[in-house]
Amino acid sequence: MRIIEDRTFPGERALYGERDVRLLRCAFEGEEDGESALKEARNVELEDCRMALRYPLWHDRGVTLTRCVMTDTCRAPLWYSERIVIADSTLGGVKALRECEDVRIRDTEIVSPEFGWHSRAVRAERCRIEGEYPFLMASGVAFDAVTLKGKYSFQYARDAVIERSVFDTKDAFWHAKNVTIRDTVIRGEYLAWYSENLTLIRCRIAGTQPLCYCRGLTLVDCEMEDADLAFEYSDVEADVRGRIVSVKNPLRGHIRADSIGEILLTEDSVYPCECAVTVRENETEREE
């Protein structure tokens, strides 16, 4: 590979269409305020680089970023690209990743309101992500040991696997389909309404009105904290350890918990409730 070291590129399409190049300690910034520095590049490695200009990595194939910084002025840096590896880096900008495929991210800090939109096959490990609508309509996403903070996460996402992570996010997984979440803490209101084939295993769920209007919902050995008015109109199989504050008008299936504060089957329900709700305390009394 050709090596470029310690250079600054302020201009428009400064390295447009480059092939087989390694950039060390370079900067993409300056008064010229050029855009699309590495557009249409192939097989490009960047190490210890700083990127502060717009649209640098569009329509690329084979990009590796190691110990790089993308500032908040590096708007929409990674779009329409594939085979991307990002490690030990910092990503800013409103729309840092969109319409990309085959992305691997590890040990990276990300602050991007619209991160990951419409992207496919994205794996993130040991990352911290902050955004308003992260991973909207994404597919094939895999998280391991990721901390995510924001709002409206994973709306309309499909075929995702989340493990050993922490979510602090409102309205997560709305309309999501075919998602499995294991050993994860999820804090936020109105979790996963309208989802389909959502499975939560050994998770801790905190927040009001979770898991309503779901289809094919499964909870295995989960805990629920401050979860009131849960499961309204949901098709659910749930095994919950500990207490649920209240369950309201579940549609069908079976909900089992150590204790439930209230089971609300209201007269104004627009659907008949065919769901069995079992409290383990009562089971033990009957057995005795």
C-alpha atoms as a PDB file:
ATOM      1  CA  MET A   1       0.000   0.000   0.000  1.00  0.00           C
ATOM      2  CA  ARG A   2       1.062   3.544  -0.686  1.00  0.00           C
ATOM      3  CA  ILE A   3       1.646   5.436   2.584  1.00  0.00           C
ATOM      4  CA  ILE A   4       0.769   9.099   3.157  1.00  0.00           C
ATOM      5  CA  GLU A   5       1.982  10.598   6.438  1.00  0.00           C
ATOM      6  CA  ASP A   6       1.477  13.849   8.364  1.00  0.00           C
ATOM      7  CA  ARG A   7      -0.465  15.684   5.648  1.00  0.00           C
ATOM      8  CA  THR A   8      -3.429  18.070   5.842  1.00  0.00           C
ATOM      9  CA  PHE A   9      -6.129  17.929   3.169  1.00  0.00           C
ATOM     10  CA  PRO A  10      -8.467  20.955   3.181  1.00  0.00           C
ATOM     11  CA  GLY A  11      -9.680  20.784  -0.419  1.00  0.00           C
ATOM     12  CA  GLU A  12     -12.634  19.394  -2.355  1.00  0.00           C
ATOM     13  CA  ARG A  13     -12.308  15.662  -3.199  1.00  0.00           C
ATOM     14  CA  ALA A  14      -8.691  15.767  -2.059  1.00  0.00           C
ATOM     15  CA  LEU A  15      -8.161  12.003  -2.427  1.00  0.00           C
ATOM     16  CA  TYR A  16     -11.111  11.132  -4.639  1.00  0.00           C
ATOM     17  CA  GLY A  17     -11.102   7.572  -5.929  1.00  0.00           C
ATOM     18  CA  GLU A  18      -7.879   6.552  -4.161  1.00  0.00           C
ATOM     19  CA  ARG A  19      -6.899   2.882  -4.155  1.00  0.00           C
ATOM     20  CA  ASP A  20      -4.736   0.885  -1.728  1.00  0.00           C
ATOM     21  CA  VAL A  21      -3.582   3.768   0.439  1.00  0.00           C
ATOM     22  CA  ARG A  22      -2.649   4.056   4.100  1.00  0.00           C
ATOM     23  CA  LEU A  23      -3.009   7.441   5.787  1.00  0.00           C
ATOM     24  CA  LEU A  24      -1.049   8.058   8.999  1.00  0.00           C
ATOM     25  CA  ARG A  25      -1.564  11.104  11.237  1.00  0.00           C
ATOM     26  CA  CYS A  26      -3.344  13.060   8.525  1.00  0.00           C
ATOM     27  CA  ALA A  27      -5.995  15.768   8.926  1.00  0.00           C
ATOM     28  CA  PHE A  28      -8.974  16.649   6.775  1.00  0.00           C
ATOM     29  CA  GLU A  29      -9.696  20.262   7.728  1.00  0.00           C
ATOM     30  CA  GLY A  30      -8.892  23.827   6.753  1.00  0.00           C
ATOM     31  CA  GLU A  31     -10.244  27.097   5.358  1.00  0.00           C
ATOM     32  CA  GLU A  32     -10.996  25.632   1.943  1.00  0.00           C
ATOM     33  CA  ASP A  33     -13.734  23.604   3.653  1.00  0.00           C
ATOM     34  CA  GLY A  34     -13.667  20.930   0.960  1.00  0.00           C
ATOM     35  CA  GLU A  35     -16.137  18.051   0.822  1.00  0.00           C
ATOM     36  CA  SER A  36     -15.967  14.353  -0.127  1.00  0.00           C
ATOM     37  CA  ALA A  37     -12.261  13.881   0.572  1.00  0.00           C
ATOM     38  CA  LEU A  38     -12.159  10.103   0.058  1.00  0.00           C
ATOM     39  CA  LYS A  39     -15.279   9.513  -1.975  1.00  0.00           C
ATOM     40  CA  GLU A  40     -15.286   6.381  -4.179  1.00  0.00           C
ATOM     41  CA  ALA A  41     -12.108   5.082  -2.519  1.00  0.00           C
ATOM     42  CA  ARG A  42     -11.150   1.408  -2.330  1.00  0.00           C
ATOM     43  CA  ASN A  43      -9.028  -0.373   0.290  1.00  0.00           C
ATOM     44  CA  VAL A  44      -8.151   2.622   2.453  1.00  0.00           C
ATOM     45  CA  GLU A  45      -6.643   2.562   5.964  1.00  0.00           C
ATOM     46  CA  LEU A  46      -6.609   5.605   8.249  1.00  0.00           C
ATOM     47  CA  GLU A  47      -4.658   5.665  11.520  1.00  0.00           C
ATOM     48  CA  ASP A  48      -4.504   8.531  14.028  1.00  0.00           C
ATOM     49  CA  CYS A  49      -6.304  10.822  11.598  1.00  0.00           C
ATOM     50  CA  ARG A  50      -8.614  13.776  12.244  1.00  0.00           C
ATOM     51  CA  MET A  51     -11.631  14.444  10.049  1.00  0.00           C
ATOM     52  CA  ALA A  52     -13.541  17.730  10.354  1.00  0.00           C
ATOM     53  CA  LEU A  53     -14.964  18.182   6.830  1.00  0.00           C
ATOM     54  CA  ARG A  54     -18.235  16.935   5.350  1.00  0.00           C
ATOM     55  CA  TYR A  55     -18.973  13.663   3.536  1.00  0.00           C
ATOM     56  CA  PRO A  56     -15.456  12.185   3.536  1.00  0.00           C
ATOM     57  CA  LEU A  57     -16.218   8.476   3.060  1.00  0.00           C
ATOM     58  CA  TRP A  58     -19.074   8.009   0.613  1.00  0.00           C
ATOM     59  CA  HIS A  59     -19.433   5.073  -1.799  1.00  0.00           C
ATOM     60  CA  ASP A  60     -16.259   3.418  -0.478  1.00  0.00           C
ATOM     61  CA  ARG A  61     -15.341  -0.263  -0.354  1.00  0.00           C
ATOM     62  CA  GLY A  62     -12.913  -1.494   2.294  1.00  0.00           C
ATOM     63  CA  VAL A  63     -12.276   1.211   4.906  1.00  0.00           C
ATOM     64  CA  THR A  64     -10.369   0.804   8.194  1.00  0.00           C
ATOM     65  CA  LEU A  65     -10.347   3.564  10.820  1.00  0.00           C
ATOM     66  CA  THR A  66      -8.037   3.130  13.816  1.00  0.00           C
ATOM     67  CA  ARG A  67      -7.662   5.764  16.559  1.00  0.00           C
ATOM     68  CA  CYS A  68      -9.375   8.342  14.390  1.00  0.00           C
ATOM     69  CA  VAL A  69     -11.476  11.346  15.376  1.00  0.00           C
ATOM     70  CA  MET A  70     -14.468  12.611  13.425  1.00  0.00           C
ATOM     71  CA  THR A  71     -15.581  15.945  14.875  1.00  0.00           C
ATOM     72  CA  ASP A  72     -19.160  17.208  15.033  1.00  0.00           C
ATOM     73  CA  THR A  73     -18.445  19.225  11.860  1.00  0.00           C
ATOM     74  CA  CYS A  74     -17.649  16.016   9.980  1.00  0.00           C
ATOM     75  CA  ARG A  75     -21.232  15.777   8.791  1.00  0.00           C
ATOM     76  CA  ALA A  76     -22.477  12.492   7.349  1.00  0.00           C
ATOM     77  CA  PRO A  77     -19.019  10.908   7.102  1.00  0.00           C
ATOM     78  CA  LEU A  78     -19.901   7.294   6.233  1.00  0.00           C
ATOM     79  CA  TRP A  79     -22.671   6.781   3.680  1.00  0.00           C
ATOM     80  CA  TYR A  80     -23.307   4.134   1.021  1.00  0.00           C
ATOM     81  CA  SER A  81     -20.113   2.273   1.920  1.00  0.00           C
ATOM     82  CA  GLU A  82     -19.312  -1.336   2.782  1.00  0.00           C
ATOM     83  CA  ARG A  83     -16.665  -3.477   4.478  1.00  0.00           C
ATOM     84  CA  ILE A  84     -15.871  -0.956   7.196  1.00  0.00           C
ATOM     85  CA  VAL A  85     -13.816  -1.542  10.361  1.00  0.00           C
ATOM     86  CA  ILE A  86     -13.710   1.128  13.077  1.00  0.00           C
ATOM     87  CA  ALA A  87     -11.610   0.704  16.233  1.00  0.00           C
ATOM     88  CA  ASP A  88     -10.582   2.884  19.196  1.00  0.00           C
ATOM     89  CA  SER A  89     -12.070   5.958  17.566  1.00  0.00           C
ATOM     90  CA  THR A  90     -14.453   8.858  18.237  1.00  0.00           C
ATOM     91  CA  LEU A  91     -17.316   9.521  15.832  1.00  0.00           C
ATOM     92  CA  GLY A  92     -19.347  12.737  15.808  1.00  0.00           C
ATOM     93  CA  GLY A  93     -21.642  14.404  13.316  1.00  0.00           C
ATOM     94  CA  VAL A  94     -25.401  14.272  12.961  1.00  0.00           C
ATOM     95  CA  LYS A  95     -25.570  11.346  10.530  1.00  0.00           C
ATOM     96  CA  ALA A  96     -22.336   9.466  11.046  1.00  0.00           C
ATOM     97  CA  LEU A  97     -23.358   6.140   9.477  1.00  0.00           C
ATOM     98  CA  ARG A  98     -26.132   5.565   6.939  1.00  0.00           C
ATOM     99  CA  GLU A  99     -26.947   3.061   4.202  1.00  0.00           C
ATOM    100  CA  CYS A 100     -23.751   1.109   4.945  1.00  0.00           C
ATOM    101  CA  GLU A 101     -23.178  -2.643   4.991  1.00  0.00           C
ATOM    102  CA  ASP A 102     -20.762  -5.038   6.729  1.00  0.00           C
ATOM    103  CA  VAL A 103     -19.565  -2.697   9.478  1.00  0.00           C
ATOM    104  CA  ARG A 104     -17.486  -3.705  12.510  1.00  0.00           C
ATOM    105  CA  ILE A 105     -17.081  -1.212  15.355  1.00  0.00           C
ATOM    106  CA  ARG A 106     -15.206  -1.800  18.604  1.00  0.00           C
ATOM    107  CA  ASP A 107     -14.023   0.280  21.572  1.00  0.00           C
ATOM    108  CA  THR A 108     -15.431   3.464  20.053  1.00  0.00           C
ATOM    109  CA  GLU A 109     -17.308   6.527  21.354  1.00  0.00           C
ATOM    110  CA  ILE A 110     -20.163   7.694  19.122  1.00  0.00           C
ATOM    111  CA  VAL A 111     -22.302  10.828  19.474  1.00  0.00           C
ATOM    112  CA  SER A 112     -24.584  11.021  16.454  1.00  0.00           C
ATOM    113  CA  PRO A 113     -28.341  11.722  16.553  1.00  0.00           C
ATOM    114  CA  GLU A 114     -29.128   9.650  13.451  1.00  0.00           C
ATOM    115  CA  PHE A 115     -26.516   6.917  13.655  1.00  0.00           C
ATOM    116  CA  GLY A 116     -26.891   3.707  11.661  1.00  0.00           C
ATOM    117  CA  TRP A 117     -30.017   4.491   9.639  1.00  0.00           C
ATOM    118  CA  HIS A 118     -30.869   1.873   7.006  1.00  0.00           C
ATOM    119  CA  SER A 119     -27.556   0.095   7.597  1.00  0.00           C
ATOM    120  CA  ARG A 120     -27.072  -3.671   7.354  1.00  0.00           C
ATOM    121  CA  ALA A 121     -24.840  -6.166   9.140  1.00  0.00           C
ATOM    122  CA  VAL A 122     -23.429  -3.805  11.768  1.00  0.00           C
ATOM    123  CA  ARG A 123     -21.585  -5.351  14.715  1.00  0.00           C
ATOM    124  CA  ALA A 124     -20.610  -3.170  17.674  1.00  0.00           C
ATOM    125  CA  GLU A 125     -18.512  -4.346  20.632  1.00  0.00           C
ATOM    126  CA  ARG A 126     -17.554  -2.432  23.786  1.00  0.00           C
ATOM    127  CA  CYS A 127     -18.870   0.855  22.393  1.00  0.00           C
ATOM    128  CA  ARG A 128     -20.705   3.847  23.829  1.00  0.00           C
ATOM    129  CA  ILE A 129     -23.366   5.281  21.547  1.00  0.00           C
ATOM    130  CA  GLU A 130     -25.492   8.389  22.055  1.00  0.00           C
ATOM    131  CA  GLY A 131     -28.161   9.379  19.569  1.00  0.00           C
ATOM    132  CA  GLU A 132     -31.772  10.434  19.130  1.00  0.00           C
ATOM    133  CA  TYR A 133     -32.911   7.911  16.516  1.00  0.00           C
ATOM    134  CA  PRO A 134     -30.073   5.351  16.379  1.00  0.00           C
ATOM    135  CA  PHE A 135     -30.425   2.381  13.998  1.00  0.00           C
ATOM    136  CA  LEU A 136     -33.722   3.392  12.435  1.00  0.00           C
ATOM    137  CA  MET A 137     -34.742   0.676   9.942  1.00  0.00           C
ATOM    138  CA  ALA A 138     -31.398  -1.101  10.370  1.00  0.00           C
ATOM    139  CA  SER A 139     -31.091  -4.863   9.882  1.00  0.00           C
ATOM    140  CA  GLY A 140     -28.667  -7.559  10.983  1.00  0.00           C
ATOM    141  CA  VAL A 141     -27.314  -5.489  13.892  1.00  0.00           C
ATOM    142  CA  ALA A 142     -25.356  -7.268  16.660  1.00  0.00           C
ATOM    143  CA  PHE A 143     -24.391  -5.596  19.954  1.00  0.00           C
ATOM    144  CA  ASP A 144     -22.066  -7.011  22.604  1.00  0.00           C
ATOM    145  CA  ALA A 145     -21.258  -4.924  25.699  1.00  0.00           C
ATOM    146  CA  VAL A 146     -22.611  -1.680  24.246  1.00  0.00           C
ATOM    147  CA  THR A 147     -23.966   1.259  26.234  1.00  0.00           C
ATOM    148  CA  LEU A 148     -26.625   3.161  24.300  1.00  0.00           C
ATOM    149  CA  LYS A 149     -28.220   6.421  25.431  1.00  0.00           C
ATOM    150  CA  GLY A 150     -30.862   8.399  23.609  1.00  0.00           C
ATOM    151  CA  LYS A 151     -34.419   8.275  22.330  1.00  0.00           C
ATOM    152  CA  TYR A 152     -36.386   6.155  19.886  1.00  0.00           C
ATOM    153  CA  SER A 153     -33.739   3.479  19.358  1.00  0.00           C
ATOM    154  CA  PHE A 154     -34.041   0.648  16.822  1.00  0.00           C
ATOM    155  CA  GLN A 155     -37.403   1.707  15.436  1.00  0.00           C
ATOM    156  CA  TYR A 156     -38.436  -0.560  12.537  1.00  0.00           C
ATOM    157  CA  ALA A 157     -35.194  -2.545  12.968  1.00  0.00           C
ATOM    158  CA  ARG A 158     -35.077  -6.196  11.896  1.00  0.00           C
ATOM    159  CA  ASP A 159     -33.028  -9.292  12.688  1.00  0.00           C
ATOM    160  CA  ALA A 160     -30.979  -7.877  15.564  1.00  0.00           C
ATOM    161  CA  VAL A 161     -29.171  -9.560  18.468  1.00  0.00           C
ATOM    162  CA  ILE A 162     -28.322  -7.527  21.590  1.00  0.00           C
ATOM    163  CA  GLU A 163     -26.153  -9.052  24.354  1.00  0.00           C
ATOM    164  CA  ARG A 164     -24.656  -7.841  27.665  1.00  0.00           C
ATOM    165  CA  SER A 165     -25.583  -4.235  26.969  1.00  0.00           C
ATOM    166  CA  VAL A 166     -27.229  -1.268  28.690  1.00  0.00           C
ATOM    167  CA  PHE A 167     -29.966   0.794  27.032  1.00  0.00           C
ATOM    168  CA  ASP A 168     -31.214   4.100  28.448  1.00  0.00           C
ATOM    169  CA  THR A 169     -33.642   5.060  25.738  1.00  0.00           C
ATOM    170  CA  LYS A 170     -37.299   5.954  25.268  1.00  0.00           C
ATOM    171  CA  ASP A 171     -39.575   4.091  22.847  1.00  0.00           C
ATOM    172  CA  ALA A 172     -36.917   1.536  21.946  1.00  0.00           C
ATOM    173  CA  PHE A 173     -37.683  -1.222  19.416  1.00  0.00           C
ATOM    174  CA  TRP A 174     -41.012   0.162  18.203  1.00  0.00           C
ATOM    175  CA  HIS A 175     -42.191  -1.890  15.215  1.00  0.00           C
ATOM    176  CA  ALA A 176     -38.988  -3.953  15.463  1.00  0.00           C
ATOM    177  CA  LYS A 177     -39.103  -7.483  14.082  1.00  0.00           C
ATOM    178  CA  ASN A 178     -37.106 -10.631  14.884  1.00  0.00           C
ATOM    179  CA  VAL A 179     -34.996  -9.208  17.703  1.00  0.00           C
ATOM    180  CA  THR A 180     -33.320 -11.210  20.500  1.00  0.00           C
ATOM    181  CA  ILE A 181     -31.975  -9.444  23.597  1.00  0.00           C
ATOM    182  CA  ARG A 182     -29.938 -11.273  26.257  1.00  0.00           C
ATOM    183  CA  ASP A 183     -28.479 -10.238  29.638  1.00  0.00           C
ATOM    184  CA  THR A 184     -29.248  -6.586  29.002  1.00  0.00           C
ATOM    185  CA  VAL A 185     -30.603  -3.674  31.057  1.00  0.00           C
ATOM    186  CA  ILE A 186     -33.259  -1.613  29.283  1.00  0.00           C
ATOM    187  CA  ARG A 187     -34.458   1.605  30.926  1.00  0.00           C
ATOM    188  CA  GLY A 188     -37.103   3.781  29.310  1.00  0.00           C
ATOM    189  CA  GLU A 189     -40.760   4.351  28.685  1.00  0.00           C
ATOM    190  CA  TYR A 190     -43.049   2.485  26.285  1.00  0.00           C
ATOM    191  CA  LEU A 191     -40.653  -0.300  25.359  1.00  0.00           C
ATOM    192  CA  ALA A 192     -41.139  -2.142  22.072  1.00  0.00           C
ATOM    193  CA  TRP A 193     -44.730  -1.291  21.207  1.00  0.00           C
ATOM    194  CA  TYR A 194     -45.943  -2.941  17.978  1.00  0.00           C
ATOM    195  CA  SER A 195     -42.914  -5.252  17.845  1.00  0.00           C
ATOM    196  CA  GLU A 196     -43.049  -8.726  16.326  1.00  0.00           C
ATOM    197  CA  ASN A 197     -41.056 -11.772  17.443  1.00  0.00           C
ATOM    198  CA  LEU A 198     -39.163  -9.968  20.186  1.00  0.00           C
ATOM    199  CA  THR A 199     -37.399 -12.268  22.683  1.00  0.00           C
ATOM    200  CA  LEU A 200     -35.874 -11.017  25.955  1.00  0.00           C
ATOM    201  CA  ILE A 201     -33.741 -13.433  27.981  1.00  0.00           C
ATOM    202  CA  ARG A 202     -32.399 -12.645  31.484  1.00  0.00           C
ATOM    203  CA  CYS A 203     -33.030  -8.935  30.947  1.00  0.00           C
ATOM    204  CA  ARG A 204     -33.919  -6.200  33.424  1.00  0.00           C
ATOM    205  CA  ILE A 205     -36.656  -3.926  32.112  1.00  0.00           C
ATOM    206  CA  ALA A 206     -37.461  -0.607  33.812  1.00  0.00           C
ATOM    207  CA  GLY A 207     -40.103   1.951  32.889  1.00  0.00           C
ATOM    208  CA  THR A 208     -43.786   2.602  32.424  1.00  0.00           C
ATOM    209  CA  GLN A 209     -46.141   0.850  29.974  1.00  0.00           C
ATOM    210  CA  PRO A 210     -43.728  -1.611  28.395  1.00  0.00           C
ATOM    211  CA  LEU A 211     -44.408  -4.182  25.702  1.00  0.00           C
ATOM    212  CA  CYS A 212     -47.859  -3.277  24.413  1.00  0.00           C
ATOM    213  CA  TYR A 213     -49.441  -4.297  21.095  1.00  0.00           C
ATOM    214  CA  CYS A 214     -46.699  -6.912  20.598  1.00  0.00           C
ATOM    215  CA  ARG A 215     -46.947 -10.097  18.553  1.00  0.00           C
ATOM    216  CA  GLY A 216     -44.853 -13.167  19.320  1.00  0.00           C
ATOM    217  CA  LEU A 217     -43.381 -11.600  22.464  1.00  0.00           C
ATOM    218  CA  THR A 218     -41.295 -13.855  24.744  1.00  0.00           C
ATOM    219  CA  LEU A 219     -39.699 -13.059  28.111  1.00  0.00           C
ATOM    220  CA  VAL A 220     -37.484 -15.684  29.751  1.00  0.00           C
ATOM    221  CA  ASP A 221     -36.235 -15.215  33.330  1.00  0.00           C
ATOM    222  CA  CYS A 222     -36.522 -11.420  33.147  1.00  0.00           C
ATOM    223  CA  GLU A 223     -36.994  -8.766  35.845  1.00  0.00           C
ATOM    224  CA  MET A 224     -39.326  -5.772  35.580  1.00  0.00           C
ATOM    225  CA  GLU A 225     -38.890  -2.566  37.585  1.00  0.00           C
ATOM    226  CA  ASP A 226     -41.573   0.147  37.843  1.00  0.00           C
ATOM    227  CA  ALA A 227     -43.390  -1.634  35.025  1.00  0.00           C
ATOM    228  CA  ASP A 228     -47.018  -0.579  35.183  1.00  0.00           C
ATOM    229  CA  LEU A 229     -49.784  -1.133  32.606  1.00  0.00           C
ATOM    230  CA  ALA A 230     -47.632  -3.760  30.923  1.00  0.00           C
ATOM    231  CA  PHE A 231     -48.527  -6.035  28.012  1.00  0.00           C
ATOM    232  CA  GLU A 232     -51.692  -4.259  26.854  1.00  0.00           C
ATOM    233  CA  TYR A 233     -53.108  -6.082  23.814  1.00  0.00           C
ATOM    234  CA  SER A 234     -49.973  -8.215  23.474  1.00  0.00           C
ATOM    235  CA  ASP A 235     -49.582 -11.837  22.409  1.00  0.00           C
ATOM    236  CA  VAL A 236     -47.052 -12.854  25.056  1.00  0.00           C
ATOM    237  CA  GLU A 237     -45.298 -15.740  26.801  1.00  0.00           C
ATOM    238  CA  ALA A 238     -43.582 -14.199  29.826  1.00  0.00           C
ATOM    239  CA  ASP A 239     -41.682 -15.648  32.789  1.00  0.00           C
ATOM    240  CA  VAL A 240     -40.822 -12.737  35.096  1.00  0.00           C
ATOM    241  CA  ARG A 241     -38.745 -12.898  38.275  1.00  0.00           C
ATOM    242  CA  GLY A 242     -39.903 -10.463  40.928  1.00  0.00           C
ATOM    243  CA  ARG A 243     -42.823  -8.047  40.826  1.00  0.00           C
ATOM    244  CA  ILE A 244     -44.786  -6.419  38.033  1.00  0.00           C
ATOM    245  CA  VAL A 245     -46.585  -3.265  39.154  1.00  0.00           C
ATOM    246  CA  SER A 246     -49.589  -3.903  36.918  1.00  0.00           C
ATOM    247  CA  VAL A 247     -50.682  -5.879  33.879  1.00  0.00           C
ATOM    248  CA  LYS A 248     -53.412  -4.440  31.664  1.00  0.00           C
ATOM    249  CA  ASN A 249     -55.604  -6.250  29.127  1.00  0.00           C
ATOM    250  CA  PRO A 250     -53.088  -8.765  27.750  1.00  0.00           C
ATOM    251  CA  LEU A 251     -54.436 -10.299  24.576  1.00  0.00           C
ATOM    252  CA  ARG A 252     -53.353 -13.939  24.671  1.00  0.00           C
ATOM    253  CA  GLY A 253     -50.626 -16.277  25.932  1.00  0.00           C
ATOM    254  CA  HIS A 254     -49.339 -16.677  29.510  1.00  0.00           C
ATOM    255  CA  ILE A 255     -47.769 -14.215  31.955  1.00  0.00           C
ATOM    256  CA  ARG A 256     -46.135 -15.616  35.080  1.00  0.00           C
ATOM    257  CA  ALA A 257     -44.466 -13.558  37.829  1.00  0.00           C
ATOM    258  CA  ASP A 258     -43.531 -13.807  41.495  1.00  0.00           C
ATOM    259  CA  SER A 259     -46.064 -11.088  42.255  1.00  0.00           C
ATOM    260  CA  ILE A 260     -48.284  -8.641  40.385  1.00  0.00           C
ATOM    261  CA  GLY A 261     -49.652  -5.509  42.024  1.00  0.00           C
ATOM    262  CA  GLU A 262     -52.764  -5.284  39.835  1.00  0.00           C
ATOM    263  CA  ILE A 263     -54.287  -7.257  37.000  1.00  0.00           C
ATOM    264  CA  LEU A 264     -56.463  -4.788  35.097  1.00  0.00           C
ATOM    265  CA  LEU A 265     -59.098  -6.298  32.813  1.00  0.00           C
ATOM    266  CA  THR A 266     -61.096  -3.232  31.920  1.00  0.00           C
ATOM    267  CA  GLU A 267     -64.637  -3.012  30.581  1.00  0.00           C
ATOM    268  CA  ASP A 268     -63.564  -0.670  27.811  1.00  0.00           C
ATOM    269  CA  SER A 269     -61.087  -3.177  26.322  1.00  0.00           C
ATOM    270  CA  VAL A 270     -61.702  -3.435  22.588  1.00  0.00           C
ATOM    271  CA  TYR A 271     -60.351  -7.014  22.449  1.00  0.00           C
ATOM    272  CA  PRO A 272     -61.223 -10.047  24.587  1.00  0.00           C
ATOM    273  CA  CYS A 273     -58.496 -11.113  27.024  1.00  0.00           C
ATOM    274  CA  GLU A 274     -57.522 -14.737  26.480  1.00  0.00           C
ATOM    275  CA  CYS A 275     -54.222 -14.555  28.362  1.00  0.00           C
ATOM    276  CA  ALA A 276     -53.536 -16.601  31.504  1.00  0.00           C
ATOM    277  CA  VAL A 277     -51.890 -14.576  34.282  1.00  0.00           C
ATOM    278  CA  THR A 278     -50.230 -16.612  37.037  1.00  0.00           C
ATOM    279  CA  VAL A 279     -48.713 -15.384  40.312  1.00  0.00           C
ATOM    280  CA  ARG A 280     -46.171 -17.757  41.873  1.00  0.00           C
ATOM    281  CA  GLU A 281     -47.149 -16.727  45.413  1.00  0.00           C
ATOM    282  CA  ASN A 282     -50.631 -18.054  44.737  1.00  0.00           C
ATOM    283  CA  GLU A 283     -49.242 -21.204  43.133  1.00  0.00           C
ATOM    284  CA  THR A 284     -47.261 -21.941  46.313  1.00  0.00           C
ATOM    285  CA  GLU A 285     -50.331 -21.412  48.506  1.00  0.00           C
ATOM    286  CA  ARG A 286     -52.348 -23.852  46.407  1.00  0.00           C
ATOM    287  CA  GLU A 287     -49.594 -26.458  46.506  1.00  0.00           C
ATOM    288  CA  GLU A 288     -49.476 -26.251  50.300  1.00  0.00           C
END
